[in-house]
mmCIF file of all heavy atoms, coordinates in Angstrom:
data_MODEL
# 
_entry.id   MODEL 
# 
loop_
_atom_site.group_PDB 
_atom_site.id 
_atom_site.type_symbol 
_atom_site.label_atom_id 
_atom_site.label_alt_id 
_atom_site.label_comp_id 
_atom_site.label_asym_id 
_atom_site.label_entity_id 
_atom_site.label_seq_id 
_atom_site.pdbx_PDB_ins_code 
_atom_site.Cartn_x 
_atom_site.Cartn_y 
_atom_site.Cartn_z 
_atom_site.occupancy 
_atom_site.B_iso_or_equiv 
_atom_site.pdbx_formal_charge 
_atom_site.auth_seq_id 
_atom_site.auth_comp_id 
_atom_site.auth_asym_id 
_atom_site.auth_atom_id 
_atom_site.pdbx_PDB_model_num 
ATOM 1   N N   . HIS A 1 1  ? 124.095 105.137 102.830 1.00 0.00 ? 1  HIS A N   1 
ATOM 2   C CA  . HIS A 1 1  ? 123.893 103.892 103.601 1.00 0.00 ? 1  HIS A CA  1 
ATOM 3   C C   . HIS A 1 1  ? 122.444 103.491 103.408 1.00 0.00 ? 1  HIS A C   1 
ATOM 4   O O   . HIS A 1 1  ? 121.608 104.240 102.901 1.00 0.00 ? 1  HIS A O   1 
ATOM 5   C CB  . HIS A 1 1  ? 124.222 104.090 105.089 1.00 0.00 ? 1  HIS A CB  1 
ATOM 6   C CG  . HIS A 1 1  ? 123.250 104.893 105.858 1.00 0.00 ? 1  HIS A CG  1 
ATOM 7   N ND1 . HIS A 1 1  ? 123.319 106.318 105.952 1.00 0.00 ? 1  HIS A ND1 1 
ATOM 8   C CD2 . HIS A 1 1  ? 122.160 104.564 106.589 1.00 0.00 ? 1  HIS A CD2 1 
ATOM 9   C CE1 . HIS A 1 1  ? 122.350 106.758 106.692 1.00 0.00 ? 1  HIS A CE1 1 
ATOM 10  N NE2 . HIS A 1 1  ? 121.629 105.717 107.093 1.00 0.00 ? 1  HIS A NE2 1 
ATOM 11  N N   . ARG A 1 2  ? 122.138 102.277 103.796 1.00 0.00 ? 2  ARG A N   1 
ATOM 12  C CA  . ARG A 1 2  ? 120.809 101.703 103.570 1.00 0.00 ? 2  ARG A CA  1 
ATOM 13  C C   . ARG A 1 2  ? 120.111 101.477 104.876 1.00 0.00 ? 2  ARG A C   1 
ATOM 14  O O   . ARG A 1 2  ? 120.744 101.083 105.844 1.00 0.00 ? 2  ARG A O   1 
ATOM 15  C CB  . ARG A 1 2  ? 120.913 100.421 102.769 1.00 0.00 ? 2  ARG A CB  1 
ATOM 16  C CG  . ARG A 1 2  ? 121.644 100.593 101.459 1.00 0.00 ? 2  ARG A CG  1 
ATOM 17  C CD  . ARG A 1 2  ? 122.107 99.269  100.896 1.00 0.00 ? 2  ARG A CD  1 
ATOM 18  N NE  . ARG A 1 2  ? 122.921 99.450  99.712  1.00 0.00 ? 2  ARG A NE  1 
ATOM 19  C CZ  . ARG A 1 2  ? 124.212 99.785  99.748  1.00 0.00 ? 2  ARG A CZ  1 
ATOM 20  N NH1 . ARG A 1 2  ? 124.826 99.925  100.900 1.00 0.00 ? 2  ARG A NH1 1 
ATOM 21  N NH2 . ARG A 1 2  ? 124.888 99.949  98.609  1.00 0.00 ? 2  ARG A NH2 1 
ATOM 22  N N   . GLU A 1 3  ? 118.801 101.730 104.899 1.00 0.00 ? 3  GLU A N   1 
ATOM 23  C CA  . GLU A 1 3  ? 118.022 101.541 106.113 1.00 0.00 ? 3  GLU A CA  1 
ATOM 24  C C   . GLU A 1 3  ? 116.742 100.835 105.796 1.00 0.00 ? 3  GLU A C   1 
ATOM 25  O O   . GLU A 1 3  ? 116.196 100.962 104.686 1.00 0.00 ? 3  GLU A O   1 
ATOM 26  C CB  . GLU A 1 3  ? 117.672 102.896 106.766 1.00 0.00 ? 3  GLU A CB  1 
ATOM 27  C CG  . GLU A 1 3  ? 118.828 103.648 107.362 1.00 0.00 ? 3  GLU A CG  1 
ATOM 28  C CD  . GLU A 1 3  ? 118.406 104.908 108.033 1.00 0.00 ? 3  GLU A CD  1 
ATOM 29  O OE1 . GLU A 1 3  ? 117.139 105.181 108.103 1.00 0.00 ? 3  GLU A OE1 1 
ATOM 30  O OE2 . GLU A 1 3  ? 119.250 105.687 108.488 1.00 0.00 ? 3  GLU A OE2 1 
ATOM 31  N N   . ARG A 1 4  ? 116.290 100.073 106.743 1.00 0.00 ? 4  ARG A N   1 
ATOM 32  C CA  . ARG A 1 4  ? 114.939 99.471  106.660 1.00 0.00 ? 4  ARG A CA  1 
ATOM 33  C C   . ARG A 1 4  ? 114.118 99.997  107.804 1.00 0.00 ? 4  ARG A C   1 
ATOM 34  O O   . ARG A 1 4  ? 114.538 99.878  108.974 1.00 0.00 ? 4  ARG A O   1 
ATOM 35  C CB  . ARG A 1 4  ? 114.984 97.947  106.682 1.00 0.00 ? 4  ARG A CB  1 
ATOM 36  C CG  . ARG A 1 4  ? 113.600 97.284  106.716 1.00 0.00 ? 4  ARG A CG  1 
ATOM 37  C CD  . ARG A 1 4  ? 113.686 95.823  106.488 1.00 0.00 ? 4  ARG A CD  1 
ATOM 38  N NE  . ARG A 1 4  ? 114.003 95.500  105.125 1.00 0.00 ? 4  ARG A NE  1 
ATOM 39  C CZ  . ARG A 1 4  ? 113.935 94.285  104.608 1.00 0.00 ? 4  ARG A CZ  1 
ATOM 40  N NH1 . ARG A 1 4  ? 113.555 93.226  105.372 1.00 0.00 ? 4  ARG A NH1 1 
ATOM 41  N NH2 . ARG A 1 4  ? 114.239 94.047  103.349 1.00 0.00 ? 4  ARG A NH2 1 
ATOM 42  N N   . ARG A 1 5  ? 112.979 100.609 107.515 1.00 0.00 ? 5  ARG A N   1 
ATOM 43  C CA  . ARG A 1 5  ? 112.128 101.193 108.547 1.00 0.00 ? 5  ARG A CA  1 
ATOM 44  C C   . ARG A 1 5  ? 110.705 100.665 108.372 1.00 0.00 ? 5  ARG A C   1 
ATOM 45  O O   . ARG A 1 5  ? 110.297 100.276 107.305 1.00 0.00 ? 5  ARG A O   1 
ATOM 46  C CB  . ARG A 1 5  ? 112.092 102.715 108.422 1.00 0.00 ? 5  ARG A CB  1 
ATOM 47  C CG  . ARG A 1 5  ? 113.441 103.415 108.342 1.00 0.00 ? 5  ARG A CG  1 
ATOM 48  C CD  . ARG A 1 5  ? 113.269 104.879 108.018 1.00 0.00 ? 5  ARG A CD  1 
ATOM 49  N NE  . ARG A 1 5  ? 114.516 105.539 107.614 1.00 0.00 ? 5  ARG A NE  1 
ATOM 50  C CZ  . ARG A 1 5  ? 114.580 106.717 107.046 1.00 0.00 ? 5  ARG A CZ  1 
ATOM 51  N NH1 . ARG A 1 5  ? 113.455 107.390 106.810 1.00 0.00 ? 5  ARG A NH1 1 
ATOM 52  N NH2 . ARG A 1 5  ? 115.751 107.250 106.717 1.00 0.00 ? 5  ARG A NH2 1 
ATOM 53  N N   . GLU A 1 6  ? 109.977 100.678 109.491 1.00 0.00 ? 6  GLU A N   1 
ATOM 54  C CA  . GLU A 1 6  ? 108.560 100.358 109.416 1.00 0.00 ? 6  GLU A CA  1 
ATOM 55  C C   . GLU A 1 6  ? 107.838 101.528 108.790 1.00 0.00 ? 6  GLU A C   1 
ATOM 56  O O   . GLU A 1 6  ? 107.979 102.667 109.200 1.00 0.00 ? 6  GLU A O   1 
ATOM 57  C CB  . GLU A 1 6  ? 108.015 100.110 110.824 1.00 0.00 ? 6  GLU A CB  1 
ATOM 58  C CG  . GLU A 1 6  ? 108.468 98.765  111.419 1.00 0.00 ? 6  GLU A CG  1 
ATOM 59  C CD  . GLU A 1 6  ? 107.759 97.589  110.720 1.00 0.00 ? 6  GLU A CD  1 
ATOM 60  O OE1 . GLU A 1 6  ? 106.546 97.537  110.689 1.00 0.00 ? 6  GLU A OE1 1 
ATOM 61  O OE2 . GLU A 1 6  ? 108.491 96.720  110.189 1.00 0.00 ? 6  GLU A OE2 1 
ATOM 62  N N   . VAL A 1 7  ? 107.049 101.239 107.729 1.00 0.00 ? 7  VAL A N   1 
ATOM 63  C CA  . VAL A 1 7  ? 106.321 102.275 107.009 1.00 0.00 ? 7  VAL A CA  1 
ATOM 64  C C   . VAL A 1 7  ? 104.876 101.824 106.801 1.00 0.00 ? 7  VAL A C   1 
ATOM 65  O O   . VAL A 1 7  ? 104.552 100.632 106.910 1.00 0.00 ? 7  VAL A O   1 
ATOM 66  C CB  . VAL A 1 7  ? 106.990 102.562 105.664 1.00 0.00 ? 7  VAL A CB  1 
ATOM 67  C CG1 . VAL A 1 7  ? 108.380 103.099 105.832 1.00 0.00 ? 7  VAL A CG1 1 
ATOM 68  C CG2 . VAL A 1 7  ? 106.978 101.302 104.767 1.00 0.00 ? 7  VAL A CG2 1 
ATOM 69  N N   . PRO A 1 8  ? 103.984 102.752 106.461 1.00 0.00 ? 8  PRO A N   1 
ATOM 70  C CA  . PRO A 1 8  ? 102.606 102.355 106.106 1.00 0.00 ? 8  PRO A CA  1 
ATOM 71  C C   . PRO A 1 8  ? 102.623 101.507 104.824 1.00 0.00 ? 8  PRO A C   1 
ATOM 72  O O   . PRO A 1 8  ? 103.283 101.855 103.859 1.00 0.00 ? 8  PRO A O   1 
ATOM 73  C CB  . PRO A 1 8  ? 101.887 103.675 105.913 1.00 0.00 ? 8  PRO A CB  1 
ATOM 74  C CG  . PRO A 1 8  ? 102.721 104.687 106.615 1.00 0.00 ? 8  PRO A CG  1 
ATOM 75  C CD  . PRO A 1 8  ? 104.140 104.218 106.495 1.00 0.00 ? 8  PRO A CD  1 
ATOM 76  N N   . VAL A 1 9  ? 101.875 100.404 104.827 1.00 0.00 ? 9  VAL A N   1 
ATOM 77  C CA  . VAL A 1 9  ? 101.715 99.554  103.662 1.00 0.00 ? 9  VAL A CA  1 
ATOM 78  C C   . VAL A 1 9  ? 100.243 99.176  103.551 1.00 0.00 ? 9  VAL A C   1 
ATOM 79  O O   . VAL A 1 9  ? 99.426  99.472  104.436 1.00 0.00 ? 9  VAL A O   1 
ATOM 80  C CB  . VAL A 1 9  ? 102.588 98.282  103.772 1.00 0.00 ? 9  VAL A CB  1 
ATOM 81  C CG1 . VAL A 1 9  ? 104.046 98.615  103.920 1.00 0.00 ? 9  VAL A CG1 1 
ATOM 82  C CG2 . VAL A 1 9  ? 102.095 97.383  104.909 1.00 0.00 ? 9  VAL A CG2 1 
ATOM 83  N N   . TYR A 1 10 ? 99.889  98.508  102.464 1.00 0.00 ? 10 TYR A N   1 
ATOM 84  C CA  . TYR A 1 10 ? 98.617  97.793  102.368 1.00 0.00 ? 10 TYR A CA  1 
ATOM 85  C C   . TYR A 1 10 ? 98.923  96.299  102.377 1.00 0.00 ? 10 TYR A C   1 
ATOM 86  O O   . TYR A 1 10 ? 99.839  95.839  101.685 1.00 0.00 ? 10 TYR A O   1 
ATOM 87  C CB  . TYR A 1 10 ? 97.871  98.154  101.074 1.00 0.00 ? 10 TYR A CB  1 
ATOM 88  C CG  . TYR A 1 10 ? 97.339  99.574  101.031 1.00 0.00 ? 10 TYR A CG  1 
ATOM 89  C CD1 . TYR A 1 10 ? 97.734  100.443 100.000 1.00 0.00 ? 10 TYR A CD1 1 
ATOM 90  C CD2 . TYR A 1 10 ? 96.447  100.031 101.995 1.00 0.00 ? 10 TYR A CD2 1 
ATOM 91  C CE1 . TYR A 1 10 ? 97.247  101.713 99.947  1.00 0.00 ? 10 TYR A CE1 1 
ATOM 92  C CE2 . TYR A 1 10 ? 95.957  101.322 101.958 1.00 0.00 ? 10 TYR A CE2 1 
ATOM 93  C CZ  . TYR A 1 10 ? 96.383  102.167 100.928 1.00 0.00 ? 10 TYR A CZ  1 
ATOM 94  O OH  . TYR A 1 10 ? 95.878  103.448 100.870 1.00 0.00 ? 10 TYR A OH  1 
ATOM 95  N N   . ALA A 1 11 ? 98.155  95.544  103.139 1.00 0.00 ? 11 ALA A N   1 
ATOM 96  C CA  . ALA A 1 11 ? 98.293  94.097  103.163 1.00 0.00 ? 11 ALA A CA  1 
ATOM 97  C C   . ALA A 1 11 ? 97.181  93.515  102.296 1.00 0.00 ? 11 ALA A C   1 
ATOM 98  O O   . ALA A 1 11 ? 95.968  93.781  102.492 1.00 0.00 ? 11 ALA A O   1 
ATOM 99  C CB  . ALA A 1 11 ? 98.164  93.573  104.613 1.00 0.00 ? 11 ALA A CB  1 
ATOM 100 N N   . LEU A 1 12 ? 97.580  92.733  101.285 1.00 0.00 ? 12 LEU A N   1 
ATOM 101 C CA  . LEU A 1 12 ? 96.606  92.023  100.443 1.00 0.00 ? 12 LEU A CA  1 
ATOM 102 C C   . LEU A 1 12 ? 96.154  90.773  101.181 1.00 0.00 ? 12 LEU A C   1 
ATOM 103 O O   . LEU A 1 12 ? 96.953  89.890  101.477 1.00 0.00 ? 12 LEU A O   1 
ATOM 104 C CB  . LEU A 1 12 ? 97.237  91.660  99.124  1.00 0.00 ? 12 LEU A CB  1 
ATOM 105 C CG  . LEU A 1 12 ? 96.313  90.963  98.113  1.00 0.00 ? 12 LEU A CG  1 
ATOM 106 C CD1 . LEU A 1 12 ? 95.248  91.923  97.597  1.00 0.00 ? 12 LEU A CD1 1 
ATOM 107 C CD2 . LEU A 1 12 ? 97.112  90.356  96.952  1.00 0.00 ? 12 LEU A CD2 1 
ATOM 108 N N   . THR A 1 13 ? 94.848  90.724  101.513 1.00 0.00 ? 13 THR A N   1 
ATOM 109 C CA  . THR A 1 13 ? 94.288  89.588  102.291 1.00 0.00 ? 13 THR A CA  1 
ATOM 110 C C   . THR A 1 13 ? 93.043  89.097  101.594 1.00 0.00 ? 13 THR A C   1 
ATOM 111 O O   . THR A 1 13 ? 92.581  89.668  100.621 1.00 0.00 ? 13 THR A O   1 
ATOM 112 C CB  . THR A 1 13 ? 94.000  90.024  103.737 1.00 0.00 ? 13 THR A CB  1 
ATOM 113 O OG1 . THR A 1 13 ? 93.034  91.088  103.709 1.00 0.00 ? 13 THR A OG1 1 
ATOM 114 C CG2 . THR A 1 13 ? 95.261  90.478  104.441 1.00 0.00 ? 13 THR A CG2 1 
ATOM 115 N N   . VAL A 1 14 ? 92.488  88.013  102.115 1.00 0.00 ? 14 VAL A N   1 
ATOM 116 C CA  . VAL A 1 14 ? 91.262  87.427  101.573 1.00 0.00 ? 14 VAL A CA  1 
ATOM 117 C C   . VAL A 1 14 ? 90.030  88.155  102.171 1.00 0.00 ? 14 VAL A C   1 
ATOM 118 O O   . VAL A 1 14 ? 89.943  88.342  103.369 1.00 0.00 ? 14 VAL A O   1 
ATOM 119 C CB  . VAL A 1 14 ? 91.198  85.943  101.879 1.00 0.00 ? 14 VAL A CB  1 
ATOM 120 C CG1 . VAL A 1 14 ? 89.888  85.336  101.346 1.00 0.00 ? 14 VAL A CG1 1 
ATOM 121 C CG2 . VAL A 1 14 ? 92.426  85.241  101.264 1.00 0.00 ? 14 VAL A CG2 1 
ATOM 122 N N   . ALA A 1 15 ? 89.114  88.544  101.296 1.00 0.00 ? 15 ALA A N   1 
ATOM 123 C CA  . ALA A 1 15 ? 87.898  89.227  101.762 1.00 0.00 ? 15 ALA A CA  1 
ATOM 124 C C   . ALA A 1 15 ? 86.901  88.254  102.311 1.00 0.00 ? 15 ALA A C   1 
ATOM 125 O O   . ALA A 1 15 ? 87.019  87.020  102.091 1.00 0.00 ? 15 ALA A O   1 
ATOM 126 C CB  . ALA A 1 15 ? 87.293  90.017  100.580 1.00 0.00 ? 15 ALA A CB  1 
ATOM 127 N N   . LYS A 1 16 ? 85.906  88.741  103.020 1.00 0.00 ? 16 LYS A N   1 
ATOM 128 C CA  . LYS A 1 16 ? 84.826  87.898  103.553 1.00 0.00 ? 16 LYS A CA  1 
ATOM 129 C C   . LYS A 1 16 ? 84.122  87.217  102.372 1.00 0.00 ? 16 LYS A C   1 
ATOM 130 O O   . LYS A 1 16 ? 83.773  87.851  101.378 1.00 0.00 ? 16 LYS A O   1 
ATOM 131 C CB  . LYS A 1 16 ? 83.845  88.758  104.313 1.00 0.00 ? 16 LYS A CB  1 
ATOM 132 C CG  . LYS A 1 16 ? 82.752  87.984  105.005 1.00 0.00 ? 16 LYS A CG  1 
ATOM 133 C CD  . LYS A 1 16 ? 81.843  88.885  105.828 1.00 0.00 ? 16 LYS A CD  1 
ATOM 134 C CE  . LYS A 1 16 ? 80.762  88.102  106.493 1.00 0.00 ? 16 LYS A CE  1 
ATOM 135 N NZ  . LYS A 1 16 ? 79.846  88.970  107.299 1.00 0.00 ? 16 LYS A NZ  1 
ATOM 136 N N   . GLY A 1 17 ? 83.894  85.920  102.505 1.00 0.00 ? 17 GLY A N   1 
ATOM 137 C CA  . GLY A 1 17 ? 83.283  85.158  101.431 1.00 0.00 ? 17 GLY A CA  1 
ATOM 138 C C   . GLY A 1 17 ? 84.299  84.345  100.630 1.00 0.00 ? 17 GLY A C   1 
ATOM 139 O O   . GLY A 1 17 ? 83.915  83.488  99.847  1.00 0.00 ? 17 GLY A O   1 
ATOM 140 N N   . GLY A 1 18 ? 85.605  84.667  100.835 1.00 0.00 ? 18 GLY A N   1 
ATOM 141 C CA  . GLY A 1 18 ? 86.634  83.840  100.166 1.00 0.00 ? 18 GLY A CA  1 
ATOM 142 C C   . GLY A 1 18 ? 87.062  84.399  98.819  1.00 0.00 ? 18 GLY A C   1 
ATOM 143 O O   . GLY A 1 18 ? 86.417  85.271  98.241  1.00 0.00 ? 18 GLY A O   1 
ATOM 144 N N   . PRO A 1 19 ? 88.189  83.921  98.308  1.00 0.00 ? 19 PRO A N   1 
ATOM 145 C CA  . PRO A 1 19 ? 88.715  84.398  97.026  1.00 0.00 ? 19 PRO A CA  1 
ATOM 146 C C   . PRO A 1 19 ? 87.863  83.963  95.850  1.00 0.00 ? 19 PRO A C   1 
ATOM 147 O O   . PRO A 1 19 ? 87.190  82.956  95.872  1.00 0.00 ? 19 PRO A O   1 
ATOM 148 C CB  . PRO A 1 19 ? 90.121  83.745  96.991  1.00 0.00 ? 19 PRO A CB  1 
ATOM 149 C CG  . PRO A 1 19 ? 89.998  82.516  97.799  1.00 0.00 ? 19 PRO A CG  1 
ATOM 150 C CD  . PRO A 1 19 ? 89.026  82.855  98.912  1.00 0.00 ? 19 PRO A CD  1 
ATOM 151 N N   . LYS A 1 20 ? 87.910  84.791  94.794  1.00 0.00 ? 20 LYS A N   1 
ATOM 152 C CA  . LYS A 1 20 ? 87.251  84.504  93.543  1.00 0.00 ? 20 LYS A CA  1 
ATOM 153 C C   . LYS A 1 20 ? 88.288  84.506  92.424  1.00 0.00 ? 20 LYS A C   1 
ATOM 154 O O   . LYS A 1 20 ? 88.287  85.389  91.564  1.00 0.00 ? 20 LYS A O   1 
ATOM 155 C CB  . LYS A 1 20 ? 86.143  85.543  93.248  1.00 0.00 ? 20 LYS A CB  1 
ATOM 156 C CG  . LYS A 1 20 ? 85.138  85.700  94.379  1.00 0.00 ? 20 LYS A CG  1 
ATOM 157 C CD  . LYS A 1 20 ? 84.201  86.897  94.074  1.00 0.00 ? 20 LYS A CD  1 
ATOM 158 C CE  . LYS A 1 20 ? 83.246  87.145  95.222  1.00 0.00 ? 20 LYS A CE  1 
ATOM 159 N NZ  . LYS A 1 20 ? 82.384  88.345  94.971  1.00 0.00 ? 20 LYS A NZ  1 
ATOM 160 N N   . LEU A 1 21 ? 89.214  83.588  92.478  1.00 0.00 ? 21 LEU A N   1 
ATOM 161 C CA  . LEU A 1 21 ? 90.331  83.544  91.574  1.00 0.00 ? 21 LEU A CA  1 
ATOM 162 C C   . LEU A 1 21 ? 90.214  82.416  90.585  1.00 0.00 ? 21 LEU A C   1 
ATOM 163 O O   . LEU A 1 21 ? 89.858  81.291  90.967  1.00 0.00 ? 21 LEU A O   1 
ATOM 164 C CB  . LEU A 1 21 ? 91.647  83.410  92.363  1.00 0.00 ? 21 LEU A CB  1 
ATOM 165 C CG  . LEU A 1 21 ? 91.981  84.571  93.319  1.00 0.00 ? 21 LEU A CG  1 
ATOM 166 C CD1 . LEU A 1 21 ? 93.099  84.201  94.262  1.00 0.00 ? 21 LEU A CD1 1 
ATOM 167 C CD2 . LEU A 1 21 ? 92.333  85.814  92.503  1.00 0.00 ? 21 LEU A CD2 1 
ATOM 168 N N   . LYS A 1 22 ? 90.527  82.675  89.322  1.00 0.00 ? 22 LYS A N   1 
ATOM 169 C CA  . LYS A 1 22 ? 90.460  81.656  88.270  1.00 0.00 ? 22 LYS A CA  1 
ATOM 170 C C   . LYS A 1 22 ? 91.832  81.022  88.156  1.00 0.00 ? 22 LYS A C   1 
ATOM 171 O O   . LYS A 1 22 ? 92.802  81.645  87.792  1.00 0.00 ? 22 LYS A O   1 
ATOM 172 C CB  . LYS A 1 22 ? 90.075  82.291  86.943  1.00 0.00 ? 22 LYS A CB  1 
ATOM 173 C CG  . LYS A 1 22 ? 89.983  81.310  85.802  1.00 0.00 ? 22 LYS A CG  1 
ATOM 174 C CD  . LYS A 1 22 ? 89.625  82.016  84.497  1.00 0.00 ? 22 LYS A CD  1 
ATOM 175 C CE  . LYS A 1 22 ? 89.562  81.038  83.320  1.00 0.00 ? 22 LYS A CE  1 
ATOM 176 N NZ  . LYS A 1 22 ? 89.260  81.731  82.066  1.00 0.00 ? 22 LYS A NZ  1 
ATOM 177 N N   . PRO A 1 23 ? 91.951  79.699  88.479  1.00 0.00 ? 23 PRO A N   1 
ATOM 178 C CA  . PRO A 1 23 ? 93.257  79.062  88.395  1.00 0.00 ? 23 PRO A CA  1 
ATOM 179 C C   . PRO A 1 23 ? 93.820  79.089  86.989  1.00 0.00 ? 23 PRO A C   1 
ATOM 180 O O   . PRO A 1 23 ? 93.098  78.953  85.992  1.00 0.00 ? 23 PRO A O   1 
ATOM 181 C CB  . PRO A 1 23 ? 92.962  77.605  88.838  1.00 0.00 ? 23 PRO A CB  1 
ATOM 182 C CG  . PRO A 1 23 ? 91.709  77.690  89.638  1.00 0.00 ? 23 PRO A CG  1 
ATOM 183 C CD  . PRO A 1 23 ? 90.905  78.815  88.982  1.00 0.00 ? 23 PRO A CD  1 
ATOM 184 N N   . PHE A 1 24 ? 95.123  79.249  86.917  1.00 0.00 ? 24 PHE A N   1 
ATOM 185 C CA  . PHE A 1 24 ? 95.832  79.249  85.637  1.00 0.00 ? 24 PHE A CA  1 
ATOM 186 C C   . PHE A 1 24 ? 95.923  77.791  85.127  1.00 0.00 ? 24 PHE A C   1 
ATOM 187 O O   . PHE A 1 24 ? 96.266  76.894  85.900  1.00 0.00 ? 24 PHE A O   1 
ATOM 188 C CB  . PHE A 1 24 ? 97.224  79.817  85.821  1.00 0.00 ? 24 PHE A CB  1 
ATOM 189 C CG  . PHE A 1 24 ? 98.154  79.616  84.664  1.00 0.00 ? 24 PHE A CG  1 
ATOM 190 C CD1 . PHE A 1 24 ? 97.842  80.164  83.420  1.00 0.00 ? 24 PHE A CD1 1 
ATOM 191 C CD2 . PHE A 1 24 ? 99.330  78.930  84.805  1.00 0.00 ? 24 PHE A CD2 1 
ATOM 192 C CE1 . PHE A 1 24 ? 98.713  79.996  82.347  1.00 0.00 ? 24 PHE A CE1 1 
ATOM 193 C CE2 . PHE A 1 24 ? 100.213 78.759  83.714  1.00 0.00 ? 24 PHE A CE2 1 
ATOM 194 C CZ  . PHE A 1 24 ? 99.863  79.288  82.519  1.00 0.00 ? 24 PHE A CZ  1 
ATOM 195 N N   . LYS A 1 25 ? 95.621  77.587  83.878  1.00 0.00 ? 25 LYS A N   1 
ATOM 196 C CA  . LYS A 1 25 ? 95.706  76.295  83.267  1.00 0.00 ? 25 LYS A CA  1 
ATOM 197 C C   . LYS A 1 25 ? 97.111  76.102  82.688  1.00 0.00 ? 25 LYS A C   1 
ATOM 198 O O   . LYS A 1 25 ? 97.500  76.750  81.733  1.00 0.00 ? 25 LYS A O   1 
ATOM 199 C CB  . LYS A 1 25 ? 94.650  76.143  82.155  1.00 0.00 ? 25 LYS A CB  1 
ATOM 200 C CG  . LYS A 1 25 ? 94.622  74.763  81.538  1.00 0.00 ? 25 LYS A CG  1 
ATOM 201 C CD  . LYS A 1 25 ? 93.541  74.668  80.462  1.00 0.00 ? 25 LYS A CD  1 
ATOM 202 C CE  . LYS A 1 25 ? 93.519  73.278  79.831  1.00 0.00 ? 25 LYS A CE  1 
ATOM 203 N NZ  . LYS A 1 25 ? 92.483  73.220  78.748  1.00 0.00 ? 25 LYS A NZ  1 
ATOM 204 N N   . ASP A 1 26 ? 97.876  75.177  83.313  1.00 0.00 ? 26 ASP A N   1 
ATOM 205 C CA  . ASP A 1 26 ? 99.210  74.913  82.856  1.00 0.00 ? 26 ASP A CA  1 
ATOM 206 C C   . ASP A 1 26 ? 99.236  74.562  81.361  1.00 0.00 ? 26 ASP A C   1 
ATOM 207 O O   . ASP A 1 26 ? 98.406  73.767  80.908  1.00 0.00 ? 26 ASP A O   1 
ATOM 208 C CB  . ASP A 1 26 ? 99.837  73.760  83.634  1.00 0.00 ? 26 ASP A CB  1 
ATOM 209 C CG  . ASP A 1 26 ? 100.176 74.168  85.061  1.00 0.00 ? 26 ASP A CG  1 
ATOM 210 O OD1 . ASP A 1 26 ? 100.367 75.372  85.301  1.00 0.00 ? 26 ASP A OD1 1 
ATOM 211 O OD2 . ASP A 1 26 ? 100.279 73.308  85.923  1.00 0.00 ? 26 ASP A OD2 1 
ATOM 212 N N   . GLY A 1 27 ? 100.168 75.151  80.666  1.00 0.00 ? 27 GLY A N   1 
ATOM 213 C CA  . GLY A 1 27 ? 100.295 74.858  79.213  1.00 0.00 ? 27 GLY A CA  1 
ATOM 214 C C   . GLY A 1 27 ? 99.548  75.808  78.339  1.00 0.00 ? 27 GLY A C   1 
ATOM 215 O O   . GLY A 1 27 ? 99.770  75.813  77.110  1.00 0.00 ? 27 GLY A O   1 
ATOM 216 N N   . SER A 1 28 ? 98.653  76.612  78.891  1.00 0.00 ? 28 SER A N   1 
ATOM 217 C CA  . SER A 1 28 ? 97.890  77.532  78.040  1.00 0.00 ? 28 SER A CA  1 
ATOM 218 C C   . SER A 1 28 ? 98.761  78.692  77.536  1.00 0.00 ? 28 SER A C   1 
ATOM 219 O O   . SER A 1 28 ? 98.543  79.257  76.491  1.00 0.00 ? 28 SER A O   1 
ATOM 220 C CB  . SER A 1 28 ? 96.688  78.105  78.804  1.00 0.00 ? 28 SER A CB  1 
ATOM 221 O OG  . SER A 1 28 ? 97.089  78.765  80.002  1.00 0.00 ? 28 SER A OG  1 
ATOM 222 N N   . CYS A 1 29 ? 99.826  79.007  78.307  1.00 0.00 ? 29 CYS A N   1 
ATOM 223 C CA  . CYS A 1 29 ? 100.818 79.977  77.901  1.00 0.00 ? 29 CYS A CA  1 
ATOM 224 C C   . CYS A 1 29 ? 102.044 79.834  78.825  1.00 0.00 ? 29 CYS A C   1 
ATOM 225 O O   . CYS A 1 29 ? 101.931 79.122  79.834  1.00 0.00 ? 29 CYS A O   1 
ATOM 226 C CB  . CYS A 1 29 ? 100.288 81.400  77.926  1.00 0.00 ? 29 CYS A CB  1 
ATOM 227 S SG  . CYS A 1 29 ? 99.694  81.961  79.528  1.00 0.00 ? 29 CYS A SG  1 
# 
């Protein structure tokens, strides 16, 4: 049978100072 339980995880969140992400350029691949 299958169960869903609360377990320890890591939450990916934004750090202080904001994200430093390079936007993907559509069409480049």
